[in-house]
Protein backbone atom coordinates (compact mmCIF):
# COMPACT_ATOMS: atom_id res chain seq x y z
CA MET A 1 -26.84 84.66 107.28
CA TYR A 2 -25.88 88.45 107.93
CA ALA A 3 -28.45 91.06 108.97
CA ILE A 4 -25.81 93.66 108.42
CA GLU A 5 -22.78 93.90 106.40
CA VAL A 6 -20.44 96.98 106.40
CA ASP A 7 -17.71 96.89 103.99
CA ASN A 8 -14.73 99.36 103.92
CA VAL A 9 -16.98 102.29 104.85
CA THR A 10 -15.46 105.82 105.04
CA ARG A 11 -17.21 109.07 105.71
CA ILE A 12 -15.51 112.33 105.12
CA TYR A 13 -16.91 115.76 106.33
CA GLN A 14 -15.85 119.24 105.16
CA LYS A 15 -14.92 121.45 108.08
CA TYR A 16 -15.37 125.27 107.76
CA SER A 17 -13.65 127.91 110.11
CA ALA A 18 -15.40 131.05 111.41
CA ARG A 19 -13.10 133.28 109.40
CA HIS A 20 -14.64 132.24 106.29
CA ARG A 21 -18.03 133.37 107.35
CA PHE A 22 -19.62 136.63 105.84
CA GLN A 23 -22.55 138.67 106.92
CA THR A 24 -24.34 138.82 103.64
CA PHE A 25 -24.23 137.26 100.05
CA LYS A 26 -23.68 140.95 98.75
CA SER A 27 -20.72 141.63 101.18
CA ALA A 28 -19.11 138.47 99.98
CA LEU A 29 -19.46 139.54 96.34
CA LEU A 30 -18.16 143.01 96.91
CA LYS A 31 -15.09 141.79 98.85
CA GLY A 32 -14.52 139.32 96.05
CA ASP A 33 -13.98 136.32 98.51
CA LEU A 34 -17.14 134.29 97.83
CA PHE A 35 -15.41 131.49 96.38
CA ARG A 36 -12.60 131.45 98.94
CA ALA A 37 -15.29 131.51 101.91
CA LEU A 38 -16.94 128.42 100.39
CA LYS A 39 -13.70 126.42 100.33
CA PRO A 40 -13.28 124.15 103.17
CA ASP A 41 -10.46 124.71 105.59
CA GLU A 42 -9.79 120.96 106.21
CA LEU A 43 -11.54 117.52 105.71
CA VAL A 44 -12.50 115.48 108.73
CA THR A 45 -12.58 111.80 108.65
CA ALA A 46 -15.46 110.48 110.77
CA LEU A 47 -15.22 106.90 109.66
CA ASP A 48 -12.22 105.29 108.12
CA GLY A 49 -12.33 101.96 106.17
CA VAL A 50 -14.81 100.39 108.69
CA THR A 51 -15.60 96.63 108.18
CA PHE A 52 -17.81 94.28 110.17
CA LYS A 53 -20.70 91.87 109.70
CA VAL A 54 -23.70 91.30 112.31
CA ARG A 55 -25.48 87.90 112.12
CA LYS A 56 -29.00 87.75 112.24
CA GLY A 57 -30.39 87.67 115.83
CA GLU A 58 -27.09 88.86 117.24
CA THR A 59 -26.85 91.82 119.72
CA PHE A 60 -23.80 93.63 118.46
CA GLY A 61 -22.33 96.32 120.48
CA ILE A 62 -20.23 99.50 119.63
CA ILE A 63 -18.35 101.31 122.24
CA GLY A 64 -15.83 104.29 121.86
CA GLU A 65 -15.15 107.66 122.99
CA ASN A 66 -17.17 110.78 121.93
CA GLY A 67 -16.05 111.74 118.44
CA SER A 68 -15.15 108.13 117.46
CA GLY A 69 -17.75 107.85 114.78
CA LYS A 70 -20.31 105.72 116.56
CA SER A 71 -23.35 107.82 115.68
CA THR A 72 -22.35 108.56 112.18
CA LEU A 73 -21.84 104.69 111.53
CA LEU A 74 -25.42 104.16 112.84
CA LYS A 75 -26.82 106.98 110.63
CA ILE A 76 -25.20 105.34 107.65
CA ILE A 77 -26.61 101.96 108.46
CA ALA A 78 -30.01 103.59 109.10
CA GLY A 79 -29.76 105.27 105.50
CA ILE A 80 -29.96 108.84 107.08
CA THR A 81 -26.43 109.59 105.99
CA LYS A 82 -24.44 108.13 102.90
CA PRO A 83 -20.97 106.93 103.00
CA THR A 84 -18.12 108.75 101.14
CA SER A 85 -16.96 105.27 100.15
CA GLY A 86 -17.79 101.69 100.88
CA THR A 87 -21.07 99.76 100.98
CA VAL A 88 -23.60 98.89 103.61
CA LYS A 89 -26.03 95.81 103.05
CA THR A 90 -29.08 95.31 105.54
CA GLN A 91 -31.55 92.41 105.46
CA GLY A 92 -34.97 93.23 106.84
CA LYS A 93 -36.89 96.34 108.18
CA ILE A 94 -34.83 98.83 110.20
CA SER A 95 -35.95 100.88 113.22
CA ALA A 96 -33.56 103.40 114.50
CA LEU A 97 -33.43 104.85 118.02
CA ILE A 98 -30.93 107.38 117.27
CA GLU A 99 -32.27 110.84 117.59
CA LEU A 100 -35.57 110.13 119.19
CA GLY A 101 -38.28 112.79 118.57
CA ALA A 102 -36.13 114.43 115.91
CA GLY A 103 -38.94 114.01 113.44
CA PHE A 104 -41.74 115.45 115.96
CA HIS A 105 -43.74 118.55 114.91
CA PRO A 106 -43.74 120.67 118.03
CA GLU A 107 -46.86 122.42 117.35
CA ILE A 108 -49.21 119.40 116.98
CA SER A 109 -50.00 116.96 119.66
CA GLY A 110 -48.52 113.64 120.72
CA ARG A 111 -51.34 111.63 119.16
CA GLU A 112 -50.87 113.30 115.63
CA ASN A 113 -47.07 112.77 116.05
CA ILE A 114 -47.54 109.07 116.54
CA PHE A 115 -49.45 108.70 113.18
CA ILE A 116 -47.01 110.82 111.30
CA ASN A 117 -43.87 109.04 112.60
CA GLY A 118 -45.60 105.69 112.32
CA ILE A 119 -46.30 106.07 108.68
CA MET A 120 -42.66 107.52 108.16
CA LEU A 121 -41.54 104.08 109.81
CA GLY A 122 -43.49 102.18 107.26
CA LEU A 123 -46.53 101.37 109.27
CA SER A 124 -50.23 101.68 107.74
CA LYS A 125 -52.66 103.82 109.29
CA LYS A 126 -54.55 100.70 110.52
CA GLU A 127 -51.43 99.32 111.94
CA ILE A 128 -50.89 102.44 113.88
CA GLN A 129 -54.40 102.47 115.27
CA GLU A 130 -54.00 98.91 116.40
CA LYS A 131 -50.69 99.74 118.06
CA PHE A 132 -51.79 103.26 119.41
CA ASN A 133 -52.77 102.35 123.05
CA GLU A 134 -49.59 100.25 123.54
CA ILE A 135 -47.57 103.08 122.37
CA VAL A 136 -49.28 105.51 124.59
CA ARG A 137 -49.17 103.02 127.58
CA PHE A 138 -45.61 102.19 127.34
CA ALA A 139 -44.66 105.87 126.76
CA GLU A 140 -46.68 106.58 129.96
CA LEU A 141 -48.11 109.68 128.24
CA GLU A 142 -51.89 108.88 128.81
CA ASP A 143 -52.55 112.35 130.35
CA PHE A 144 -50.35 114.18 127.90
CA ILE A 145 -51.09 112.65 124.41
CA ASP A 146 -53.39 115.41 123.22
CA ALA A 147 -51.15 118.12 124.26
CA PRO A 148 -48.70 119.84 122.07
CA VAL A 149 -45.22 117.98 121.68
CA LYS A 150 -43.40 121.41 122.40
CA THR A 151 -44.77 121.14 126.08
CA TYR A 152 -43.07 117.88 126.48
CA SER A 153 -39.90 117.51 128.61
CA SER A 154 -36.87 115.69 127.01
CA GLY A 155 -37.66 112.57 129.08
CA MET A 156 -41.30 112.54 127.64
CA TYR A 157 -39.82 113.00 124.02
CA MET A 158 -37.53 110.05 124.53
CA ARG A 159 -40.33 107.81 126.04
CA LEU A 160 -42.58 108.61 123.14
CA GLY A 161 -39.77 108.20 120.39
CA PHE A 162 -38.76 104.79 121.85
CA SER A 163 -42.23 103.50 122.07
CA ILE A 164 -43.07 104.48 118.55
CA ALA A 165 -39.71 102.69 117.30
CA ILE A 166 -40.08 99.49 119.15
CA ASN A 167 -43.80 99.22 118.10
CA VAL A 168 -42.77 98.92 114.41
CA ASN A 169 -41.63 95.44 115.23
CA PRO A 170 -38.35 95.75 113.29
CA ASP A 171 -36.05 93.03 112.09
CA ILE A 172 -33.10 95.33 112.81
CA LEU A 173 -33.15 97.70 115.79
CA LEU A 174 -30.37 100.34 116.00
CA VAL A 175 -30.00 101.93 119.52
CA ASP A 176 -27.69 104.94 120.01
CA GLU A 177 -27.36 106.12 123.63
CA VAL A 178 -31.12 106.88 123.79
CA LEU A 179 -31.35 105.65 127.28
CA ALA A 180 -29.19 108.40 128.67
CA VAL A 181 -32.06 110.81 129.16
CA GLY A 182 -34.53 108.23 130.57
CA ASP A 183 -35.50 108.51 134.22
CA ALA A 184 -34.76 105.81 136.71
CA ALA A 185 -38.27 103.95 136.27
CA PHE A 186 -38.27 104.00 132.45
CA VAL A 187 -34.80 102.73 131.43
CA PRO A 188 -35.27 99.28 133.03
CA LYS A 189 -38.57 99.08 130.92
CA CYS A 190 -36.52 99.87 127.85
CA LEU A 191 -33.93 97.35 128.62
CA ASP A 192 -36.48 94.66 129.24
CA ARG A 193 -38.14 95.28 125.94
CA ILE A 194 -34.54 95.23 124.31
CA ASP A 195 -34.24 91.77 126.03
CA ASP A 196 -37.51 90.74 124.62
CA PHE A 197 -36.15 91.62 121.08
CA ARG A 198 -33.19 89.46 121.73
CA ARG A 199 -35.29 86.62 122.78
CA ARG A 200 -37.19 86.77 119.68
CA LYS A 201 -33.96 86.72 117.71
CA LYS A 202 -34.23 90.35 116.42
CA THR A 203 -30.93 91.83 115.23
CA ILE A 204 -29.69 94.79 117.70
CA LEU A 205 -26.84 97.11 117.12
CA PHE A 206 -26.23 98.84 120.35
CA VAL A 207 -24.15 101.88 120.99
CA SER A 208 -23.66 103.09 124.61
CA HIS A 209 -21.40 104.53 127.06
CA ASP A 210 -22.80 102.19 129.74
CA LEU A 211 -20.29 99.49 129.56
CA ALA A 212 -21.97 97.30 132.22
CA THR A 213 -25.01 97.30 130.06
CA VAL A 214 -23.07 96.53 126.96
CA LYS A 215 -21.35 93.59 128.55
CA LYS A 216 -24.67 92.42 129.84
CA ILE A 217 -26.69 92.47 126.54
CA CYS A 218 -24.37 92.17 123.68
CA ASP A 219 -23.02 88.95 122.04
CA ARG A 220 -20.12 90.70 120.52
CA VAL A 221 -18.80 94.13 120.78
CA ALA A 222 -16.62 96.38 118.38
CA TRP A 223 -14.23 99.22 119.79
CA LEU A 224 -14.40 102.33 117.56
CA LYS A 225 -11.38 104.77 117.82
CA ALA A 226 -10.90 108.04 115.68
CA GLY A 227 -13.18 106.35 112.95
CA LYS A 228 -11.41 102.99 112.85
CA ILE A 229 -12.16 99.73 114.35
CA MET A 230 -9.63 98.71 116.96
CA THR A 231 -10.94 95.17 117.76
CA ILE A 232 -14.15 92.94 117.64
CA GLY A 233 -14.95 90.20 119.87
CA ASP A 234 -16.00 89.08 123.46
CA PRO A 235 -17.74 91.94 125.33
CA SER A 236 -15.66 91.50 128.27
CA ARG A 237 -12.33 91.32 126.52
CA VAL A 238 -13.20 94.40 124.25
CA VAL A 239 -14.49 96.38 127.01
CA ASP A 240 -11.38 95.83 129.11
CA ALA A 241 -9.12 96.72 126.22
CA TYR A 242 -11.15 99.93 125.73
CA LEU A 243 -10.94 100.85 129.38
CA GLN A 244 -7.14 100.28 129.66
CA ASP A 245 -6.78 102.64 126.51
CA VAL A 246 -8.76 105.23 128.22
CA MET A 247 -6.72 104.81 131.44
CA GLU A 248 -3.38 105.23 129.54
CA ARG A 249 -4.67 108.41 127.92
CA GLN A 250 -5.73 109.79 131.23
CA GLU A 251 -2.46 108.92 132.56
CA ARG A 252 -0.81 111.05 129.85
CA GLU A 253 -3.15 113.83 130.60
CA PHE A 254 -2.56 113.61 134.10
CA GLU A 255 1.14 113.84 133.87
CA ARG A 256 0.86 116.90 131.38
CA ARG A 257 -1.49 118.70 133.67
CA GLN A 258 0.95 118.09 136.83
CA GLU A 259 3.89 119.36 134.72
CA GLU A 260 1.95 122.41 133.78
CA LEU A 261 1.30 123.10 137.40
CA ARG A 262 4.75 122.73 138.29
CA ARG A 263 5.83 124.97 135.52
CA GLN A 264 3.34 127.86 136.71
CA ALA A 265 4.69 127.42 140.23
CA GLU A 266 8.23 127.95 138.98
CA ILE A 267 7.27 130.98 137.08
CA ARG A 268 5.36 132.43 140.25
CA LYS A 269 8.46 131.77 142.37
CA LYS A 270 10.77 133.62 140.03
CA GLU A 271 8.41 136.55 139.67
CA GLU A 272 8.31 136.71 143.56
CA LEU A 273 12.11 136.58 143.77
CA GLN A 274 12.53 139.19 141.18
CA ASP A 275 9.89 141.49 142.79
CA ARG A 276 11.75 141.13 146.22
CA GLU A 277 15.12 141.83 144.61
CA GLU A 278 13.69 144.93 142.69
CA ARG A 279 12.15 146.25 146.16
CA ARG A 280 15.62 145.64 147.81
CA GLN A 281 17.50 147.64 145.33
CA ALA A 282 15.10 150.52 145.29
CA ILE A 283 15.54 150.61 149.23
CA GLU A 284 19.37 150.76 148.84
CA LEU A 285 19.13 153.54 146.19
CA ARG A 286 17.09 155.63 148.43
CA GLY A 287 19.49 155.12 151.27
CA GLU A 288 22.50 156.92 149.67
CA ALA A 289 23.08 160.62 150.88
CA LEU A 290 20.07 160.51 153.40
CA THR A 291 19.99 162.46 156.49
CA SER A 292 20.24 160.75 159.96
CA ARG A 293 16.44 161.00 160.48
CA GLU A 294 15.82 159.70 157.02
CA THR A 295 18.10 156.94 157.51
CA GLU A 296 16.17 155.96 160.79
CA LYS A 297 13.08 155.74 158.66
CA LEU A 298 15.03 153.84 156.12
CA GLU A 299 16.06 151.28 158.78
CA VAL A 300 12.49 150.80 159.87
CA GLU A 301 11.44 150.18 156.24
CA LYS A 302 14.17 147.66 155.97
CA GLY A 303 13.07 145.93 159.14
CA LYS A 304 9.56 145.83 157.56
CA GLU A 305 10.87 144.40 154.27
CA LYS A 306 12.94 141.70 156.16
CA LYS A 307 9.79 140.77 158.03
CA ARG A 308 7.82 140.56 154.72
CA GLU A 309 10.65 138.43 153.30
CA GLU A 310 10.44 136.10 156.24
CA GLU A 311 6.58 135.74 155.83
CA VAL A 312 7.24 135.05 152.07
CA ARG A 313 9.84 132.48 152.97
CA LYS A 314 7.38 130.75 155.49
CA GLU A 315 4.73 130.82 152.86
CA GLU A 316 6.99 129.10 150.33
CA GLU A 317 7.55 126.39 152.91
CA ARG A 318 4.11 126.08 153.58
CA ARG A 319 3.31 125.79 149.90
CA GLU A 320 6.04 123.27 149.22
CA GLN A 321 4.60 121.31 152.16
CA ARG A 322 7.91 119.48 153.15
CA TRP A 323 9.79 119.72 156.49
CA GLY A 324 12.32 118.09 158.63
CA LYS A 325 16.16 118.24 158.93
CA ARG A 326 16.48 115.07 156.81
CA GLU A 327 18.59 112.98 158.86
CA ILE A 328 16.86 110.44 156.95
CA GLU A 329 15.90 111.83 153.69
CA ILE A 330 13.15 110.64 151.15
CA THR A 331 14.80 111.17 147.88
CA ARG A 332 12.18 109.82 145.41
CA VAL A 333 8.74 108.74 145.62
CA THR A 334 7.14 106.54 142.77
CA LEU A 335 3.47 105.12 142.44
CA LYS A 336 3.36 101.81 140.65
CA ASN A 337 0.73 98.94 140.13
CA LEU A 338 1.38 95.55 141.46
CA GLN A 339 3.24 94.48 138.33
CA GLY A 340 5.83 97.29 138.99
CA GLN A 341 4.65 99.64 136.28
CA ALA A 342 4.89 103.32 137.23
CA LYS A 343 1.59 105.12 136.81
CA HIS A 344 -0.86 107.73 138.10
CA VAL A 345 -4.32 106.51 137.05
CA PHE A 346 -5.72 103.50 138.79
CA SER A 347 -8.93 101.59 138.89
CA PRO A 348 -10.49 100.77 142.27
CA GLU A 349 -9.68 97.07 141.69
CA GLU A 350 -6.07 97.75 141.37
CA GLY A 351 -3.40 97.47 143.87
CA MET A 352 -0.71 100.16 144.45
CA LEU A 353 2.97 100.17 145.24
CA ILE A 354 4.15 103.41 147.04
CA GLU A 355 7.92 103.20 146.58
CA MET A 356 10.19 105.48 148.74
CA GLU A 357 13.90 105.72 148.12
CA VAL A 358 15.65 106.86 151.23
CA VAL A 359 19.14 107.63 152.52
CA ALA A 360 20.25 107.79 156.11
CA TYR A 361 23.53 110.04 156.38
CA SER A 362 24.46 108.16 159.57
CA ARG A 363 23.42 105.21 161.59
CA ILE A 364 19.95 105.66 163.06
CA GLU A 365 18.10 103.26 165.16
CA ASP A 366 14.85 105.17 165.93
CA PHE A 367 12.81 105.49 162.68
CA VAL A 368 9.23 105.05 161.37
CA PHE A 369 8.01 104.96 157.68
CA GLY A 370 4.35 106.10 157.04
CA ILE A 371 1.83 107.09 154.36
CA GLY A 372 -1.49 109.09 154.39
CA ILE A 373 -4.08 109.32 151.34
CA PHE A 374 -6.47 112.44 151.32
CA ASN A 375 -9.23 113.06 148.79
CA SER A 376 -9.65 116.23 146.73
CA GLN A 377 -11.71 117.77 149.63
CA GLY A 378 -8.90 117.35 152.09
CA ILE A 379 -10.57 114.44 153.90
CA TYR A 380 -8.03 111.95 155.54
CA VAL A 381 -9.06 108.63 153.72
CA TYR A 382 -6.47 106.38 155.20
CA GLY A 383 -3.05 106.56 157.03
CA THR A 384 -0.78 103.94 158.45
CA ASN A 385 2.98 103.63 159.50
CA THR A 386 5.32 100.99 160.44
CA HIS A 387 5.13 101.94 164.34
CA LEU A 388 1.47 101.67 164.30
CA GLU A 389 1.63 98.06 162.73
CA ASP A 390 4.13 97.18 165.18
CA TYR A 391 7.31 97.00 163.31
CA THR A 392 10.48 97.45 165.52
CA PRO A 393 13.10 99.63 164.17
CA ILE A 394 16.77 98.20 164.48
CA SER A 395 18.98 100.23 162.28
CA ILE A 396 19.33 102.30 158.99
CA GLU A 397 22.32 103.54 157.22
CA GLY A 398 23.06 104.54 153.66
CA GLU A 399 20.59 104.26 150.69
CA GLY A 400 17.65 101.91 150.76
CA LYS A 401 14.15 101.54 149.43
CA VAL A 402 10.82 101.28 151.29
CA VAL A 403 7.65 99.92 149.69
CA CYS A 404 4.04 100.12 150.98
CA ARG A 405 2.12 97.40 149.18
CA ILE A 406 -1.63 98.05 149.03
CA GLU A 407 -3.38 94.96 147.55
CA LYS A 408 -6.46 96.74 146.57
CA LEU A 409 -7.49 100.37 146.56
CA ASN A 410 -11.21 100.16 147.00
CA LEU A 411 -11.44 103.92 146.32
CA ILE A 412 -14.43 105.65 144.51
CA ASN A 413 -13.68 107.90 141.37
CA GLY A 414 -11.74 111.12 142.23
CA THR A 415 -8.20 112.60 142.56
CA TYR A 416 -6.19 111.72 145.70
CA TYR A 417 -3.18 113.20 147.35
CA LEU A 418 -0.50 111.30 149.01
CA ASP A 419 1.71 112.08 152.30
CA VAL A 420 4.87 110.13 152.85
CA ALA A 421 7.00 110.53 155.81
CA THR A 422 10.01 109.09 158.01
CA HIS A 423 10.18 110.23 161.71
CA LYS A 424 11.00 109.20 165.14
CA ARG A 425 8.57 107.06 167.18
CA ASP A 426 7.81 110.02 169.30
CA GLY A 427 6.86 112.04 165.98
CA TYR A 428 10.05 114.00 165.45
CA PRO A 429 10.10 114.51 161.68
CA TYR A 430 13.20 113.53 159.75
CA ASP A 431 11.46 114.29 156.37
CA TYR A 432 7.74 114.79 155.69
CA HIS A 433 6.21 115.20 152.47
CA ARG A 434 2.67 116.66 152.61
CA ASN A 435 0.47 116.32 149.50
CA LEU A 436 3.44 116.25 147.27
CA TYR A 437 1.95 113.23 145.12
CA SER A 438 -1.37 112.66 143.62
CA PHE A 439 -3.07 109.96 141.68
CA LEU A 440 -6.39 109.54 139.91
CA VAL A 441 -9.06 106.79 140.60
CA THR A 442 -11.40 106.04 137.67
CA SER A 443 -14.00 103.30 136.91
CA THR A 444 -17.49 102.70 135.76
CA HIS A 445 -18.66 102.12 139.42
CA ARG A 446 -21.38 104.63 140.52
CA ASP A 447 -20.42 104.66 144.36
CA GLU A 448 -20.87 107.46 146.66
CA GLY A 449 -18.65 108.54 149.76
CA ILE A 450 -15.01 107.63 150.11
CA THR A 451 -14.25 104.04 149.75
CA ARG A 452 -15.52 101.03 148.04
CA LEU A 453 -16.05 98.42 150.83
CA PRO A 454 -16.04 94.88 149.79
CA HIS A 455 -19.71 93.58 150.24
CA THR A 456 -22.51 91.26 148.94
CA TRP A 457 -26.41 91.44 149.47
CA GLU A 458 -28.51 88.70 150.87
CA VAL A 459 -32.36 88.59 150.96
CA THR A 460 -34.99 86.22 152.32
CA ASP A 461 -36.99 84.09 150.02
CA ASN A 462 -40.03 86.42 150.27
CA ILE A 463 -38.09 89.38 148.72
CA LYS A 464 -37.78 89.15 145.03
CA LEU A 465 -34.59 91.12 144.04
CA LYS A 466 -32.96 90.26 140.78
CA PRO A 467 -29.00 90.54 140.98
CA PRO A 468 -27.14 92.08 137.95
CA GLU A 469 -26.07 89.63 135.34
CA VAL A 470 -22.88 91.60 134.51
CA LYS A 471 -20.81 89.55 137.02
CA ALA A 472 -22.35 86.35 135.85
CA VAL A 473 -21.51 87.08 132.20
CA ALA A 474 -17.97 88.35 133.10
CA GLY A 475 -17.54 85.09 135.17
CA LYS A 476 -18.56 82.95 132.23
CA ALA A 477 -16.33 84.68 130.00
CA ASN A 478 -13.39 83.98 132.33
CA GLN A 479 -13.93 80.50 132.65
C-alpha cells in the first residue's frame, strides 16, 4: 500500500525579464506594448516527468542542489501548487513543514495564531485546546505566547510552526529543510520527534541538505537534478552518487577558474611589456638632437628606467614563484587520486598521487625530491622530502617520474596550494615550484583547524553519550 504516488509530474513556470516591466498600466497602453510586456521570455521546467512511490510507514528522502525542484515537488504533494501535467495521489492526512510560519499573522499573538493555523490544518477548536499546552511547551515559547508574532525571531517562528505541524498528528509528514534555522538545542528535539513518527509507522517525506541526517533517518532516497530523478535507492549509495556528481562539477568549475586566472595573468604581463616598450620608445625619441646636458639627463632617466625594468623582472619572478638553474627540471606536475585519475577536487578520505615528470640533463648523484602543502591562509600544513625520510640518492640521468603517494589527505574543507621541488641535500635548488598548483578539499564534515586527525571517543559507564548512528547505518549498508 502506497501513501504517496507521484506519476510523471511536470511543473513549468513562466519567466519574465526586467525589460518587460513598465511603471504604470497607463504608460504601457500609451506605448502600445502591454501585450508584449505580458508575454514570458522563456519557460522554466522546475520538474520534468518525476515518478516515484512512497510506501506507508516509509521515511523517504529527497536530495539535490538548490534549484533542482525539491521544494516545488513537496508543494505539489502538499496541494499548495498544482502540476502542469501528471498526477499525485496521497492516502491520509498531510502536514507540511515547508514554509513554517508562512500563514502566521504578524500583528496578532502566538496564541491566536496557534488556533488559526490549527483550524487551517484540519483540527477542531476543542482539539487545539487539548493540544495547546503541548504545542507551547515544545516550541519553548511559554514567556512569549501572548506577544505579537512580528516580535518573534526566525528561530521562534520555526519552533512554533514545527510544533503546530507535528501536533496535528498527520499520516504523512512533509519536511523541507526547516531545521536549518533551528538552534543547537531545538534541532535534536525535532529529530527525536521525527524518530517518534517513524516508530509509529507514519510516512515521512524528508528534504534536506544535511546528508548525514538523510542517511541516518531515511529508508530510501531519491536524487533530484534539474527537475529529473537521477536515481532512487539505498541512502548510502544514492548520497555517494550525488556527492560524486557534485565533486565532478566542482572539478570543472575549479579548472575553469584556474584557466581564467592564467588568462588574466597573461593579459597583465602583455600590458606591462607593452607599457615598458612604449616608455623605451618615448625615451629614444627624446634622445634625438639633444644638447650634451640634456643627454646627461637622458642617460640618468635611462638608468632609472633600467632599474625599474629590473624591479619589474624580479616582481615577475616572484609572482611566477619558480627558481633554480634546472640542472634537474620538473617538467610537469599532475595531481591524481589513488586510482590514477587526474583531478583537483578531493574528499578528506581520499588519497592523492603527486606525480612529477623530471629530466636531468647530465648524470647527477646528489638530489632530493620534496613537497609542501599550504592552506589558503598561507599556513604550512605539511611538508616532506626524500632526504628527511632517509632515502639515499645514487644517480639520475635523463627523463623519469617521481610520485609521492598520500594514502589519506585528512584535511578539512578548503583550497590548498602545493610546492614541489628538487634540490641538493644541502638545499641548493635545481628547480623549485612555489604555490604553482592548487587543489580543493570538500566534504560534509564540520571540522575546524587544519587537519582531520583519525580519532575515536571513549567514555566511562557513568557518562551517557549516544554515538552517531550514521556510521552504523553506513556499515550495515556496506555489509
